[in-house]
Amino acid sequence: MKYISTRGQAPELTFEEAMLTGLARDGGLYLPAEIPVMTKDEIASLAGLPYEEIAFRVMWPYVSGSFAEDEFKSIIARAYQGFGHAARAPLKQLNENHFLLELFHGPTLAFKDFAMQLIGQLFQVALKRRGERVTIVGATSGDTGSAAIEAFRGLDAVDVFILFPHGRVSEVQRRQMTTPADSNVHALALEGDFDDCQAAVKDMFNDFDFRDGVKLAGVNSINFARVLAQVVYYFSAATSLGAPHRKVSFTVPTGNFGDIFAGYIAKRMGLPIDRLVVATNQNDILHRCLSGEGYYKGDTIPSISPSMDIQVSSNFERALYYAYGEDGNAVAQLMEELKSGGFDVSQGALQALRETFDSGRASEEETLETIKATLASSAELLCPHSAVGVKVGEEHRAPDVPMITLATAHPAKFPAAVEQASGVHPPLPPRMADLYERPERVTRITNDLGAIQAHIKGHISA
């Protein structure tokens, strides 16, 4: 399996090379040159299997040239052994034909653990084999950073620097990034919003002297390995509800578009997904775009669902690549226009997107009301992001197609908003009960590329 850039000007790479590279050198994102298709019988055979076995069968065609079969099975086993639920991603019924996919049973209580725990093990094996060391730099609106730090802390061949917007993540999210004592992980509180953090990371990848000098690698959802790991739970959930013999739909609370793009890959692989519904908060650039208003950046408005406070959704570039007929030059042109504020999506491309994706948004008031109402109707306590999904999912639910809404984080990660809505203060799991007592280690840093790069150079291991 070879991997190609969405902008068409970077060399083809193997899975391992694409994983360790992260962002393509032409600024694009890597995708498999072809998407393998599973037969109906192969999909049906997944029903009832352990999550790890489903993960192996779904991901193996993408990685087979880079890892041995037994080696990859061991990597998967190590990745998910720390999850707090035997099913890894259990389904709960909320309503008639509406189900919640709980993705918060990993070490940091968020869906990012599914990908990050796997990618941590993949990096460790690949780098040990190569005898190399890398510097991972990532941007986070809250959950990616803590998941990355948890996955890579203490590993020999990796230094990790995570940029997060100062004052714009929840206290639990911040403490999960700032309390690990391992010397190879560094939390950097940037003066700015998430889009500033993400832009700084992309600028570092496009500064080839810096990139090569510190051996830069990326684990944001720009890394296709992250997307691939998330494809798995679409298969596990859908087959639990009768796929491939019946269609299912998914609603995904979406900020950076990586999680829902994984659903798109699952559909291309043969999973009978009827609709993929993009659920946004008040930072609704994706909803506006899919509604025909173009893809234009606005101001990022802080919300009670901070992981979705994003105006530039990196993975949307991958969806645009397919919507524009796999034309790398067209995608490169759009990304150039985005630097000046945004672009209009052609009618043909918009039609292609709408063949798969629907969208909706939830206001702050609607999000709070959904938390309250869902607790009353189904005894399920939602985090604000999951509540955005449930509200939009309920609006798009069809009577004859099960709707699966992704619950992306544990309510205890956002206790203030959850308590405001429900009157219930969600406790942290026992393994994390002392989080508020642990000492923090964090560096405040200005939104200046030179300052960020100097800090990284000064703190990487020799």
Foldseek 3Di string as FASTA:
>chain_A
DWKAFLQGDADIDALLVLQLLLAGLVRGFIDPPDFAADDQVRLLVCAPDALLVLLLVQCCVRCVVPDPSVLLSVLSCQLQVQFDDRNCFDWDDQDQLEIETLLQRHPLFFVLSLLQSSSLSVCLVVCVVVVAAAEEEEEALFDNQLSNCVNNAPRDRYAYEYEAAPPQFFPSSQLSQFQDPGQRYAYEHEPDHRVLSVVLVSVCSNPVVLCVVRVYGYDDLSRVSSLSSLLSVVSHVLSNVPPPVAEAEEEELDAQCSNLVSVVSNVSNPTRHQAYEYFYEPLPQVQCQLVQNFLFFDDQDRALVRRRSHSHRRCVLVLLCVLVVNNSNVSVVQVVVVVVTGGGDDPSSSVVCVSHYHYDYDYRVQLLQQQQVSCVRPVDHAASSQSSRVVVQVVVDDNRHRYYYYRGGDNQSRQVSSCVSHVDRDADPPVCNCSVVRDTHHHYDYSDSVRVSVVVVVRHDD
